Amino acid sequence: MKEVLKQIAEIGLVPVIAVDNPNHALPLGAAMLKGDLPVAEVTFRTNAAEESIRVLASELPDLLVGAGTVLTVEQARRAVAAGAKFLTASGFNPELVQYCLDNGVLIIPGANNPTQIEQGIRMGLSVLRFFPAEQSGGPAMLAALAGPYHGMRFIPSGGLNVSNVQGYLSMPSVLAAAGTWMVRPDLIAAGQWEEITRLCRQAVVRAVGFELHHVGINEPDPGTSRSEAELMCSIFGFDLQESKNSFFAGEGFEFLKAPYLGMKGHFVLSVLSMVRAQAFLKRKGLGLRVETERRGPNGELLSAYLDREVGGFALHLTQR
């Protein structure tokens, strides 16, 4: 169960899929994998759910398949038998939760108030579904609920979309975010697999949250570094700032006092989550330079350089 939760956390998104025709399951799963989104939660709200889970789990081993909107123990049995690796529920059903715990099945039940959260804690759960997220007060409500329960993580679902998902994923209490916008039922019914791939890739990039922080430029010596930074400031009205290793022109341009990584310098990209960023880049064949890793007091990765350069610039990721 811990490994499944780790995979979900690294992806950061859980697409909620409603499949009416099991023949759509395989091309849908392939489109999601092509879009760098290797997880699928098939909701039990349709008659095709069980067969769709079976097809996805058996035909696409790289896809983490779960079942959503599980209401009963019988549905849980059928979902697991079909190949589901995790189950989610909209509400908190103690009978269903206990069955899953007794049988080693990962269950993520719904909760949107302190009573339900404390019920989850009493039953030994560490992750809950915050549902319905937007209708329950959104990130502000989730922040208020998460405050007293520091050990609990949440997967918000309900009303999430490409515009608001980062507001949830920037919260320390959020393990991942769930939604339907990248796998809309109308797109599935119409067989628009390329559009689903595009939306999945867009969603994954939003979940990582790459943003240009600043550009670092290698200079041969402190004097040149200062003079170049001053020139930028004089032209554009930036403030000059000095640090131990460089001069900054405003916040966007760093002139290093001596050359560092990268033939020309480096690009600094901030991300919502170094965990998600590292997993995303690993799927693309990119790794981190271990000797450049900077970690926090609890061992969490805060920043690191990639093992690839672009246009003579090293790539430096940092947690924002």
C-alpha atoms as a PDB file:
ATOM      1  CA  MET A   1       0.000   0.000   0.000  1.00  0.00           C
ATOM      2  CA  LYS A   2       2.859   2.387   0.771  1.00  0.00           C
ATOM      3  CA  GLU A   3       4.338   1.809  -2.680  1.00  0.00           C
ATOM      4  CA  VAL A   4       1.022   2.664  -4.357  1.00  0.00           C
ATOM      5  CA  LEU A   5       0.707   5.861  -2.315  1.00  0.00           C
ATOM      6  CA  LYS A   6       4.296   6.713  -3.253  1.00  0.00           C
ATOM      7  CA  GLN A   7       3.458   6.329  -6.939  1.00  0.00           C
ATOM      8  CA  ILE A   8       0.370   8.523  -6.588  1.00  0.00           C
ATOM      9  CA  ALA A   9       2.371  11.196  -4.742  1.00  0.00           C
ATOM     10  CA  GLU A  10       5.079  11.197  -7.425  1.00  0.00           C
ATOM     11  CA  ILE A  11       2.517  11.668 -10.197  1.00  0.00           C
ATOM     12  CA  GLY A  12       0.479  14.192  -8.224  1.00  0.00           C
ATOM     13  CA  LEU A  13      -2.717  13.601 -10.213  1.00  0.00           C
ATOM     14  CA  VAL A  14      -5.445  10.975 -10.213  1.00  0.00           C
ATOM     15  CA  PRO A  15      -7.669  11.123 -13.319  1.00  0.00           C
ATOM     16  CA  VAL A  16     -11.238  10.077 -12.477  1.00  0.00           C
ATOM     17  CA  ILE A  17     -12.557   8.091 -15.430  1.00  0.00           C
ATOM     18  CA  ALA A  18     -16.146   7.198 -16.296  1.00  0.00           C
ATOM     19  CA  VAL A  19     -16.146   4.584 -19.066  1.00  0.00           C
ATOM     20  CA  ASP A  20     -19.466   3.563 -20.615  1.00  0.00           C
ATOM     21  CA  ASN A  21     -17.949   1.228 -23.195  1.00  0.00           C
ATOM     22  CA  PRO A  22     -15.200  -1.221 -22.134  1.00  0.00           C
ATOM     23  CA  ASN A  23     -13.869  -1.122 -25.698  1.00  0.00           C
ATOM     24  CA  HIS A  24     -12.739   2.428 -24.959  1.00  0.00           C
ATOM     25  CA  ALA A  25     -10.598   1.382 -21.994  1.00  0.00           C
ATOM     26  CA  LEU A  26      -7.481   0.285 -23.857  1.00  0.00           C
ATOM     27  CA  PRO A  27      -7.116   3.261 -26.231  1.00  0.00           C
ATOM     28  CA  LEU A  28      -7.913   5.580 -23.321  1.00  0.00           C
ATOM     29  CA  GLY A  29      -5.194   4.049 -21.155  1.00  0.00           C
ATOM     30  CA  ALA A  30      -2.725   4.242 -24.037  1.00  0.00           C
ATOM     31  CA  ALA A  31      -3.575   7.924 -24.578  1.00  0.00           C
ATOM     32  CA  MET A  32      -2.992   8.666 -20.894  1.00  0.00           C
ATOM     33  CA  LEU A  33       0.381   6.922 -20.879  1.00  0.00           C
ATOM     34  CA  LYS A  34       1.363   8.843 -23.994  1.00  0.00           C
ATOM     35  CA  GLY A  35       0.444  12.001 -22.076  1.00  0.00           C
ATOM     36  CA  ASP A  36       2.803  11.100 -19.184  1.00  0.00           C
ATOM     37  CA  LEU A  37      -0.093  10.334 -16.823  1.00  0.00           C
ATOM     38  CA  PRO A  38       0.346   6.687 -15.719  1.00  0.00           C
ATOM     39  CA  VAL A  39      -2.570   6.369 -13.277  1.00  0.00           C
ATOM     40  CA  ALA A  40      -6.294   5.814 -13.759  1.00  0.00           C
ATOM     41  CA  GLU A  41      -9.163   5.756 -11.276  1.00  0.00           C
ATOM     42  CA  VAL A  42     -12.117   4.044 -12.955  1.00  0.00           C
ATOM     43  CA  THR A  43     -15.335   5.054 -11.258  1.00  0.00           C
ATOM     44  CA  PHE A  44     -17.890   2.366 -10.422  1.00  0.00           C
ATOM     45  CA  ARG A  45     -20.708   4.659 -11.530  1.00  0.00           C
ATOM     46  CA  THR A  46     -20.962   2.828 -14.884  1.00  0.00           C
ATOM     47  CA  ASN A  47     -21.698  -0.782 -15.777  1.00  0.00           C
ATOM     48  CA  ALA A  48     -18.478  -0.955 -17.794  1.00  0.00           C
ATOM     49  CA  ALA A  49     -16.252  -0.141 -14.811  1.00  0.00           C
ATOM     50  CA  GLU A  50     -15.297  -3.667 -13.773  1.00  0.00           C
ATOM     51  CA  GLU A  51     -14.425  -4.837 -17.281  1.00  0.00           C
ATOM     52  CA  SER A  52     -12.556  -1.594 -17.981  1.00  0.00           C
ATOM     53  CA  ILE A  53     -10.422  -2.105 -14.874  1.00  0.00           C
ATOM     54  CA  ARG A  54      -9.701  -5.679 -15.969  1.00  0.00           C
ATOM     55  CA  VAL A  55      -8.615  -4.558 -19.456  1.00  0.00           C
ATOM     56  CA  LEU A  56      -6.422  -1.712 -18.227  1.00  0.00           C
ATOM     57  CA  ALA A  57      -4.767  -3.769 -15.477  1.00  0.00           C
ATOM     58  CA  SER A  58      -4.014  -6.729 -17.725  1.00  0.00           C
ATOM     59  CA  GLU A  59      -3.046  -4.935 -20.944  1.00  0.00           C
ATOM     60  CA  LEU A  60      -1.154  -1.884 -19.631  1.00  0.00           C
ATOM     61  CA  PRO A  61       1.256  -2.923 -16.850  1.00  0.00           C
ATOM     62  CA  ASP A  62       2.785   0.578 -16.709  1.00  0.00           C
ATOM     63  CA  LEU A  63      -0.584   2.062 -15.723  1.00  0.00           C
ATOM     64  CA  LEU A  64      -1.533   2.197 -12.026  1.00  0.00           C
ATOM     65  CA  VAL A  65      -5.216   1.272 -12.016  1.00  0.00           C
ATOM     66  CA  GLY A  66      -7.670   1.962  -9.210  1.00  0.00           C
ATOM     67  CA  ALA A  67     -11.420   1.985  -8.683  1.00  0.00           C
ATOM     68  CA  GLY A  68     -13.409   5.023  -7.596  1.00  0.00           C
ATOM     69  CA  THR A  69     -16.827   5.698  -6.087  1.00  0.00           C
ATOM     70  CA  VAL A  70     -16.718   2.308  -4.385  1.00  0.00           C
ATOM     71  CA  LEU A  71     -19.822   2.083  -2.203  1.00  0.00           C
ATOM     72  CA  THR A  72     -19.965  -1.505  -0.930  1.00  0.00           C
ATOM     73  CA  VAL A  73     -17.778  -4.393   0.140  1.00  0.00           C
ATOM     74  CA  GLU A  74     -19.049  -6.371  -2.843  1.00  0.00           C
ATOM     75  CA  GLN A  75     -17.876  -3.649  -5.239  1.00  0.00           C
ATOM     76  CA  ALA A  76     -14.520  -3.631  -3.470  1.00  0.00           C
ATOM     77  CA  ARG A  77     -14.165  -7.403  -3.982  1.00  0.00           C
ATOM     78  CA  ARG A  78     -15.024  -7.108  -7.674  1.00  0.00           C
ATOM     79  CA  ALA A  79     -12.668  -4.167  -8.230  1.00  0.00           C
ATOM     80  CA  VAL A  80      -9.713  -5.893  -6.587  1.00  0.00           C
ATOM     81  CA  ALA A  81     -10.415  -9.141  -8.447  1.00  0.00           C
ATOM     82  CA  ALA A  82     -10.396  -7.170 -11.698  1.00  0.00           C
ATOM     83  CA  GLY A  83      -6.952  -5.739 -10.892  1.00  0.00           C
ATOM     84  CA  ALA A  84      -7.512  -2.468  -9.023  1.00  0.00           C
ATOM     85  CA  LYS A  85      -4.502  -1.521  -6.875  1.00  0.00           C
ATOM     86  CA  PHE A  86      -6.351   1.098  -4.839  1.00  0.00           C
ATOM     87  CA  LEU A  87      -9.930   2.086  -4.037  1.00  0.00           C
ATOM     88  CA  THR A  88     -11.483   5.464  -3.337  1.00  0.00           C
ATOM     89  CA  ALA A  89     -14.873   6.420  -1.914  1.00  0.00           C
ATOM     90  CA  SER A  90     -16.820   9.660  -1.817  1.00  0.00           C
ATOM     91  CA  GLY A  91     -17.854   9.160   1.799  1.00  0.00           C
ATOM     92  CA  PHE A  92     -16.618   7.365   4.892  1.00  0.00           C
ATOM     93  CA  ASN A  93     -18.132   3.880   5.160  1.00  0.00           C
ATOM     94  CA  PRO A  94     -16.584   2.142   8.226  1.00  0.00           C
ATOM     95  CA  GLU A  95     -17.625  -1.311   6.996  1.00  0.00           C
ATOM     96  CA  LEU A  96     -15.942  -0.787   3.638  1.00  0.00           C
ATOM     97  CA  VAL A  97     -12.829   0.708   5.229  1.00  0.00           C
ATOM     98  CA  GLN A  98     -12.507  -2.152   7.714  1.00  0.00           C
ATOM     99  CA  TYR A  99     -12.891  -4.759   4.973  1.00  0.00           C
ATOM    100  CA  CYS A 100     -10.087  -3.137   2.985  1.00  0.00           C
ATOM    101  CA  LEU A 101      -7.829  -2.880   6.030  1.00  0.00           C
ATOM    102  CA  ASP A 102      -8.439  -6.523   6.914  1.00  0.00           C
ATOM    103  CA  ASN A 103      -7.565  -7.616   3.373  1.00  0.00           C
ATOM    104  CA  GLY A 104      -4.562  -5.405   2.687  1.00  0.00           C
ATOM    105  CA  VAL A 105      -6.354  -3.212   0.162  1.00  0.00           C
ATOM    106  CA  LEU A 106      -5.505   0.481  -0.093  1.00  0.00           C
ATOM    107  CA  ILE A 107      -8.677   2.482   0.542  1.00  0.00           C
ATOM    108  CA  ILE A 108      -8.932   6.277   0.404  1.00  0.00           C
ATOM    109  CA  PRO A 109     -12.363   7.229   1.772  1.00  0.00           C
ATOM    110  CA  GLY A 110     -13.962  10.646   1.558  1.00  0.00           C
ATOM    111  CA  ALA A 111     -13.937  13.225   4.346  1.00  0.00           C
ATOM    112  CA  ASN A 112     -14.759  16.921   4.539  1.00  0.00           C
ATOM    113  CA  ASN A 113     -15.155  17.560   8.278  1.00  0.00           C
ATOM    114  CA  PRO A 114     -13.205  16.970  11.511  1.00  0.00           C
ATOM    115  CA  THR A 115     -15.390  14.058  12.639  1.00  0.00           C
ATOM    116  CA  GLN A 116     -14.661  12.053   9.506  1.00  0.00           C
ATOM    117  CA  ILE A 117     -10.954  12.879   9.678  1.00  0.00           C
ATOM    118  CA  GLU A 118     -10.769  11.697  13.275  1.00  0.00           C
ATOM    119  CA  GLN A 119     -12.626   8.531  12.301  1.00  0.00           C
ATOM    120  CA  GLY A 120      -9.952   7.926   9.694  1.00  0.00           C
ATOM    121  CA  ILE A 121      -7.225   8.493  12.263  1.00  0.00           C
ATOM    122  CA  ARG A 122      -8.857   6.015  14.656  1.00  0.00           C
ATOM    123  CA  MET A 123      -8.882   3.395  11.897  1.00  0.00           C
ATOM    124  CA  GLY A 124      -5.190   3.968  11.134  1.00  0.00           C
ATOM    125  CA  LEU A 125      -5.524   5.779   7.809  1.00  0.00           C
ATOM    126  CA  SER A 126      -2.959   8.314   6.628  1.00  0.00           C
ATOM    127  CA  VAL A 127      -4.630   9.564   3.432  1.00  0.00           C
ATOM    128  CA  LEU A 128      -8.211  10.733   2.896  1.00  0.00           C
ATOM    129  CA  ARG A 129     -10.223  12.047  -0.029  1.00  0.00           C
ATOM    130  CA  PHE A 130     -11.281  15.679   0.468  1.00  0.00           C
ATOM    131  CA  PHE A 131     -14.648  15.541  -1.291  1.00  0.00           C
ATOM    132  CA  PRO A 132     -16.398  17.497  -2.681  1.00  0.00           C
ATOM    133  CA  ALA A 133     -13.437  19.848  -2.618  1.00  0.00           C
ATOM    134  CA  GLU A 134     -14.667  23.055  -4.235  1.00  0.00           C
ATOM    135  CA  GLN A 135     -18.166  22.756  -2.826  1.00  0.00           C
ATOM    136  CA  SER A 136     -16.733  22.179   0.666  1.00  0.00           C
ATOM    137  CA  GLY A 137     -14.750  25.430   0.670  1.00  0.00           C
ATOM    138  CA  GLY A 138     -11.738  24.714  -1.527  1.00  0.00           C
ATOM    139  CA  PRO A 139      -8.118  25.195  -0.434  1.00  0.00           C
ATOM    140  CA  ALA A 140      -9.077  27.536   2.404  1.00  0.00           C
ATOM    141  CA  MET A 141     -11.333  24.926   3.989  1.00  0.00           C
ATOM    142  CA  LEU A 142      -8.781  22.175   3.442  1.00  0.00           C
ATOM    143  CA  ALA A 143      -6.064  24.289   5.071  1.00  0.00           C
ATOM    144  CA  ALA A 144      -8.317  24.822   8.089  1.00  0.00           C
ATOM    145  CA  LEU A 145      -9.065  21.103   8.344  1.00  0.00           C
ATOM    146  CA  ALA A 146      -5.457  20.031   7.852  1.00  0.00           C
ATOM    147  CA  GLY A 147      -4.148  22.367  10.554  1.00  0.00           C
ATOM    148  CA  PRO A 148      -5.050  20.228  13.604  1.00  0.00           C
ATOM    149  CA  TYR A 149      -4.220  16.924  11.860  1.00  0.00           C
ATOM    150  CA  HIS A 150      -0.573  17.248  10.861  1.00  0.00           C
ATOM    151  CA  GLY A 151      -0.064  13.576   9.966  1.00  0.00           C
ATOM    152  CA  MET A 152      -2.989  13.341   7.553  1.00  0.00           C
ATOM    153  CA  ARG A 153      -2.596  13.820   3.803  1.00  0.00           C
ATOM    154  CA  PHE A 154      -5.436  14.530   1.404  1.00  0.00           C
ATOM    155  CA  ILE A 155      -6.444  13.956  -2.208  1.00  0.00           C
ATOM    156  CA  PRO A 156      -8.938  16.707  -3.073  1.00  0.00           C
ATOM    157  CA  SER A 157     -11.596  15.827  -5.634  1.00  0.00           C
ATOM    158  CA  GLY A 158     -14.691  17.565  -6.923  1.00  0.00           C
ATOM    159  CA  GLY A 159     -14.630  20.734  -8.991  1.00  0.00           C
ATOM    160  CA  LEU A 160     -10.892  20.679  -9.727  1.00  0.00           C
ATOM    161  CA  ASN A 161      -9.660  21.838 -13.127  1.00  0.00           C
ATOM    162  CA  VAL A 162      -6.559  23.068 -14.915  1.00  0.00           C
ATOM    163  CA  SER A 163      -7.049  26.564 -13.501  1.00  0.00           C
ATOM    164  CA  ASN A 164      -7.363  25.744  -9.793  1.00  0.00           C
ATOM    165  CA  VAL A 165      -5.378  22.527  -9.381  1.00  0.00           C
ATOM    166  CA  GLN A 166      -2.136  24.319  -8.475  1.00  0.00           C
ATOM    167  CA  GLY A 167      -3.877  25.983  -5.553  1.00  0.00           C
ATOM    168  CA  TYR A 168      -4.372  22.543  -4.054  1.00  0.00           C
ATOM    169  CA  LEU A 169      -1.061  21.008  -5.083  1.00  0.00           C
ATOM    170  CA  SER A 170       0.893  23.849  -3.479  1.00  0.00           C
ATOM    171  CA  MET A 171      -0.448  22.773  -0.054  1.00  0.00           C
ATOM    172  CA  PRO A 172       1.844  20.552   2.090  1.00  0.00           C
ATOM    173  CA  SER A 173      -1.128  18.453   3.204  1.00  0.00           C
ATOM    174  CA  VAL A 174      -2.088  17.478  -0.361  1.00  0.00           C
ATOM    175  CA  LEU A 175      -0.682  14.187  -1.637  1.00  0.00           C
ATOM    176  CA  ALA A 176      -2.259  14.476  -5.083  1.00  0.00           C
ATOM    177  CA  ALA A 177      -5.281  15.984  -6.809  1.00  0.00           C
ATOM    178  CA  ALA A 178      -8.104  14.114  -8.544  1.00  0.00           C
ATOM    179  CA  GLY A 179     -10.302  15.278 -11.393  1.00  0.00           C
ATOM    180  CA  THR A 180     -11.982  14.570 -14.709  1.00  0.00           C
ATOM    181  CA  TRP A 181     -10.979  17.550 -16.853  1.00  0.00           C
ATOM    182  CA  MET A 182      -8.203  15.721 -18.703  1.00  0.00           C
ATOM    183  CA  VAL A 183     -10.362  12.599 -19.336  1.00  0.00           C
ATOM    184  CA  ARG A 184     -13.788  14.120 -19.935  1.00  0.00           C
ATOM    185  CA  PRO A 185     -16.561  11.597 -20.715  1.00  0.00           C
ATOM    186  CA  ASP A 186     -17.471  13.389 -23.963  1.00  0.00           C
ATOM    187  CA  LEU A 187     -13.904  13.036 -25.230  1.00  0.00           C
ATOM    188  CA  ILE A 188     -13.848   9.354 -24.287  1.00  0.00           C
ATOM    189  CA  ALA A 189     -17.206   8.694 -25.991  1.00  0.00           C
ATOM    190  CA  ALA A 190     -15.984  10.475 -29.138  1.00  0.00           C
ATOM    191  CA  GLY A 191     -12.677   8.607 -29.159  1.00  0.00           C
ATOM    192  CA  GLN A 192     -10.647  11.834 -29.127  1.00  0.00           C
ATOM    193  CA  TRP A 193      -7.497  10.135 -27.856  1.00  0.00           C
ATOM    194  CA  GLU A 194      -5.048  12.776 -29.124  1.00  0.00           C
ATOM    195  CA  GLU A 195      -6.932  15.511 -27.276  1.00  0.00           C
ATOM    196  CA  ILE A 196      -6.919  13.396 -24.106  1.00  0.00           C
ATOM    197  CA  THR A 197      -3.158  12.933 -24.495  1.00  0.00           C
ATOM    198  CA  ARG A 198      -2.735  16.706 -24.846  1.00  0.00           C
ATOM    199  CA  LEU A 199      -4.860  17.451 -21.781  1.00  0.00           C
ATOM    200  CA  CYS A 200      -3.066  14.785 -19.723  1.00  0.00           C
ATOM    201  CA  ARG A 201       0.346  16.213 -20.598  1.00  0.00           C
ATOM    202  CA  GLN A 202      -0.895  19.720 -19.796  1.00  0.00           C
ATOM    203  CA  ALA A 203      -2.238  18.534 -16.438  1.00  0.00           C
ATOM    204  CA  VAL A 204       1.000  16.774 -15.505  1.00  0.00           C
ATOM    205  CA  VAL A 205       3.075  19.854 -16.274  1.00  0.00           C
ATOM    206  CA  ARG A 206       0.689  21.984 -14.210  1.00  0.00           C
ATOM    207  CA  ALA A 207       1.027  19.518 -11.337  1.00  0.00           C
ATOM    208  CA  VAL A 208       4.806  19.893 -11.353  1.00  0.00           C
ATOM    209  CA  GLY A 209       4.489  23.656 -11.789  1.00  0.00           C
ATOM    210  CA  PHE A 210       7.666  24.587 -13.693  1.00  0.00           C
ATOM    211  CA  GLU A 211       8.303  28.346 -13.593  1.00  0.00           C
ATOM    212  CA  LEU A 212      11.398  30.279 -14.599  1.00  0.00           C
ATOM    213  CA  HIS A 213      12.890  31.769 -11.417  1.00  0.00           C
ATOM    214  CA  HIS A 214      16.029  33.444 -12.742  1.00  0.00           C
ATOM    215  CA  VAL A 215      18.913  33.127 -15.185  1.00  0.00           C
ATOM    216  CA  GLY A 216      22.486  32.684 -13.949  1.00  0.00           C
ATOM    217  CA  ILE A 217      25.312  33.822 -16.230  1.00  0.00           C
ATOM    218  CA  ASN A 218      28.892  32.621 -15.798  1.00  0.00           C
ATOM    219  CA  GLU A 219      31.468  35.431 -15.591  1.00  0.00           C
ATOM    220  CA  PRO A 220      35.253  35.030 -15.397  1.00  0.00           C
ATOM    221  CA  ASP A 221      35.815  37.115 -12.249  1.00  0.00           C
ATOM    222  CA  PRO A 222      34.040  39.263  -9.614  1.00  0.00           C
ATOM    223  CA  GLY A 223      34.877  42.512 -11.385  1.00  0.00           C
ATOM    224  CA  THR A 224      33.225  41.462 -14.626  1.00  0.00           C
ATOM    225  CA  SER A 225      30.295  40.071 -12.692  1.00  0.00           C
ATOM    226  CA  ARG A 226      29.720  43.399 -10.977  1.00  0.00           C
ATOM    227  CA  SER A 227      30.129  45.510 -14.089  1.00  0.00           C
ATOM    228  CA  GLU A 228      27.706  43.388 -16.123  1.00  0.00           C
ATOM    229  CA  ALA A 229      25.116  43.430 -13.323  1.00  0.00           C
ATOM    230  CA  GLU A 230      25.492  47.200 -12.998  1.00  0.00           C
ATOM    231  CA  LEU A 231      24.992  47.598 -16.737  1.00  0.00           C
ATOM    232  CA  MET A 232      21.709  45.674 -16.570  1.00  0.00           C
ATOM    233  CA  CYS A 233      20.601  47.793 -13.631  1.00  0.00           C
ATOM    234  CA  SER A 234      21.442  51.042 -15.398  1.00  0.00           C
ATOM    235  CA  ILE A 235      19.518  50.056 -18.526  1.00  0.00           C
ATOM    236  CA  PHE A 236      16.404  48.573 -16.928  1.00  0.00           C
ATOM    237  CA  GLY A 237      16.296  50.241 -13.521  1.00  0.00           C
ATOM    238  CA  PHE A 238      16.849  47.008 -11.570  1.00  0.00           C
ATOM    239  CA  ASP A 239      18.259  47.032  -8.033  1.00  0.00           C
ATOM    240  CA  LEU A 240      21.798  45.735  -7.611  1.00  0.00           C
ATOM    241  CA  GLN A 241      22.249  43.042  -4.954  1.00  0.00           C
ATOM    242  CA  GLU A 242      25.377  41.165  -3.974  1.00  0.00           C
ATOM    243  CA  SER A 243      25.533  37.638  -2.592  1.00  0.00           C
ATOM    244  CA  LYS A 244      28.499  35.480  -1.653  1.00  0.00           C
ATOM    245  CA  ASN A 245      28.942  34.060  -5.137  1.00  0.00           C
ATOM    246  CA  SER A 246      27.281  36.553  -7.470  1.00  0.00           C
ATOM    247  CA  PHE A 247      25.696  39.912  -8.217  1.00  0.00           C
ATOM    248  CA  PHE A 248      21.987  40.110  -9.010  1.00  0.00           C
ATOM    249  CA  ALA A 249      20.349  42.636 -11.321  1.00  0.00           C
ATOM    250  CA  GLY A 250      16.859  42.635  -9.876  1.00  0.00           C
ATOM    251  CA  GLU A 251      15.552  39.141  -9.158  1.00  0.00           C
ATOM    252  CA  GLY A 252      15.773  37.699 -12.643  1.00  0.00           C
ATOM    253  CA  PHE A 253      19.455  37.986 -13.599  1.00  0.00           C
ATOM    254  CA  GLU A 254      22.387  36.547 -11.665  1.00  0.00           C
ATOM    255  CA  PHE A 255      25.987  37.221 -12.706  1.00  0.00           C
ATOM    256  CA  LEU A 256      28.317  34.692 -11.091  1.00  0.00           C
ATOM    257  CA  LYS A 257      31.697  35.835  -9.759  1.00  0.00           C
ATOM    258  CA  ALA A 258      33.299  32.678 -11.157  1.00  0.00           C
ATOM    259  CA  PRO A 259      32.097  30.077 -13.665  1.00  0.00           C
ATOM    260  CA  TYR A 260      29.982  27.238 -12.247  1.00  0.00           C
ATOM    261  CA  LEU A 261      27.911  24.524 -13.916  1.00  0.00           C
ATOM    262  CA  GLY A 262      26.895  25.027 -17.520  1.00  0.00           C
ATOM    263  CA  MET A 263      29.091  26.325 -20.285  1.00  0.00           C
ATOM    264  CA  LYS A 264      27.278  29.684 -20.254  1.00  0.00           C
ATOM    265  CA  GLY A 265      25.465  29.553 -16.926  1.00  0.00           C
ATOM    266  CA  HIS A 266      22.235  28.104 -15.614  1.00  0.00           C
ATOM    267  CA  PHE A 267      18.460  28.432 -15.680  1.00  0.00           C
ATOM    268  CA  VAL A 268      16.715  28.169 -12.301  1.00  0.00           C
ATOM    269  CA  LEU A 269      13.221  26.661 -12.487  1.00  0.00           C
ATOM    270  CA  SER A 270      11.011  26.630  -9.410  1.00  0.00           C
ATOM    271  CA  VAL A 271       8.514  23.786  -8.940  1.00  0.00           C
ATOM    272  CA  LEU A 272       5.557  23.055  -6.704  1.00  0.00           C
ATOM    273  CA  SER A 273       7.079  19.732  -5.678  1.00  0.00           C
ATOM    274  CA  MET A 274      10.600  18.396  -6.107  1.00  0.00           C
ATOM    275  CA  VAL A 275       9.184  14.885  -5.614  1.00  0.00           C
ATOM    276  CA  ARG A 276       6.801  15.258  -8.550  1.00  0.00           C
ATOM    277  CA  ALA A 277       9.429  17.052 -10.645  1.00  0.00           C
ATOM    278  CA  GLN A 278      12.026  14.342 -10.100  1.00  0.00           C
ATOM    279  CA  ALA A 279       9.549  11.568 -10.971  1.00  0.00           C
ATOM    280  CA  PHE A 280       8.334  13.459 -14.055  1.00  0.00           C
ATOM    281  CA  LEU A 281      11.868  13.983 -15.334  1.00  0.00           C
ATOM    282  CA  LYS A 282      12.826  10.384 -14.597  1.00  0.00           C
ATOM    283  CA  ARG A 283       9.999   9.228 -16.887  1.00  0.00           C
ATOM    284  CA  LYS A 284      11.659  11.339 -19.587  1.00  0.00           C
ATOM    285  CA  GLY A 285      15.078   9.791 -18.995  1.00  0.00           C
ATOM    286  CA  LEU A 286      16.499  12.730 -17.030  1.00  0.00           C
ATOM    287  CA  GLY A 287      18.127  12.533 -13.613  1.00  0.00           C
ATOM    288  CA  LEU A 288      19.596  14.805 -10.955  1.00  0.00           C
ATOM    289  CA  ARG A 289      23.252  15.471 -10.186  1.00  0.00           C
ATOM    290  CA  VAL A 290      23.482  13.967  -6.714  1.00  0.00           C
ATOM    291  CA  GLU A 291      26.448  16.133  -5.699  1.00  0.00           C
ATOM    292  CA  THR A 292      24.328  19.269  -6.193  1.00  0.00           C
ATOM    293  CA  GLU A 293      21.344  18.156  -4.099  1.00  0.00           C
ATOM    294  CA  ARG A 294      20.342  20.383  -1.207  1.00  0.00           C
ATOM    295  CA  ARG A 295      18.071  18.875   1.419  1.00  0.00           C
ATOM    296  CA  GLY A 296      16.011  20.186   4.318  1.00  0.00           C
ATOM    297  CA  PRO A 297      16.185  19.213   7.997  1.00  0.00           C
ATOM    298  CA  ASN A 298      13.972  16.160   7.434  1.00  0.00           C
ATOM    299  CA  GLY A 299      15.863  14.961   4.391  1.00  0.00           C
ATOM    300  CA  GLU A 300      13.408  16.446   1.893  1.00  0.00           C
ATOM    301  CA  LEU A 301      14.912  17.455  -1.435  1.00  0.00           C
ATOM    302  CA  LEU A 302      14.907  21.248  -1.844  1.00  0.00           C
ATOM    303  CA  SER A 303      16.973  21.820  -4.975  1.00  0.00           C
ATOM    304  CA  ALA A 304      19.316  20.123  -7.444  1.00  0.00           C
ATOM    305  CA  TYR A 305      20.813  20.426 -10.919  1.00  0.00           C
ATOM    306  CA  LEU A 306      19.713  18.144 -13.754  1.00  0.00           C
ATOM    307  CA  ASP A 307      22.184  15.921 -15.545  1.00  0.00           C
ATOM    308  CA  ARG A 308      21.442  17.689 -18.838  1.00  0.00           C
ATOM    309  CA  GLU A 309      22.219  21.108 -20.309  1.00  0.00           C
ATOM    310  CA  VAL A 310      20.178  23.120 -22.810  1.00  0.00           C
ATOM    311  CA  GLY A 311      21.880  25.628 -25.103  1.00  0.00           C
ATOM    312  CA  GLY A 312      24.959  25.652 -22.901  1.00  0.00           C
ATOM    313  CA  PHE A 313      22.955  26.356 -19.739  1.00  0.00           C
ATOM    314  CA  ALA A 314      22.683  23.949 -16.819  1.00  0.00           C
ATOM    315  CA  LEU A 315      19.175  23.372 -15.436  1.00  0.00           C
ATOM    316  CA  HIS A 316      18.645  23.975 -11.725  1.00  0.00           C
ATOM    317  CA  LEU A 317      15.387  22.989 -10.002  1.00  0.00           C
ATOM    318  CA  THR A 318      14.294  24.469  -6.688  1.00  0.00           C
ATOM    319  CA  GLN A 319      11.256  24.000  -4.465  1.00  0.00           C
ATOM    320  CA  ARG A 320       9.154  27.144  -4.115  1.00  0.00           C
END
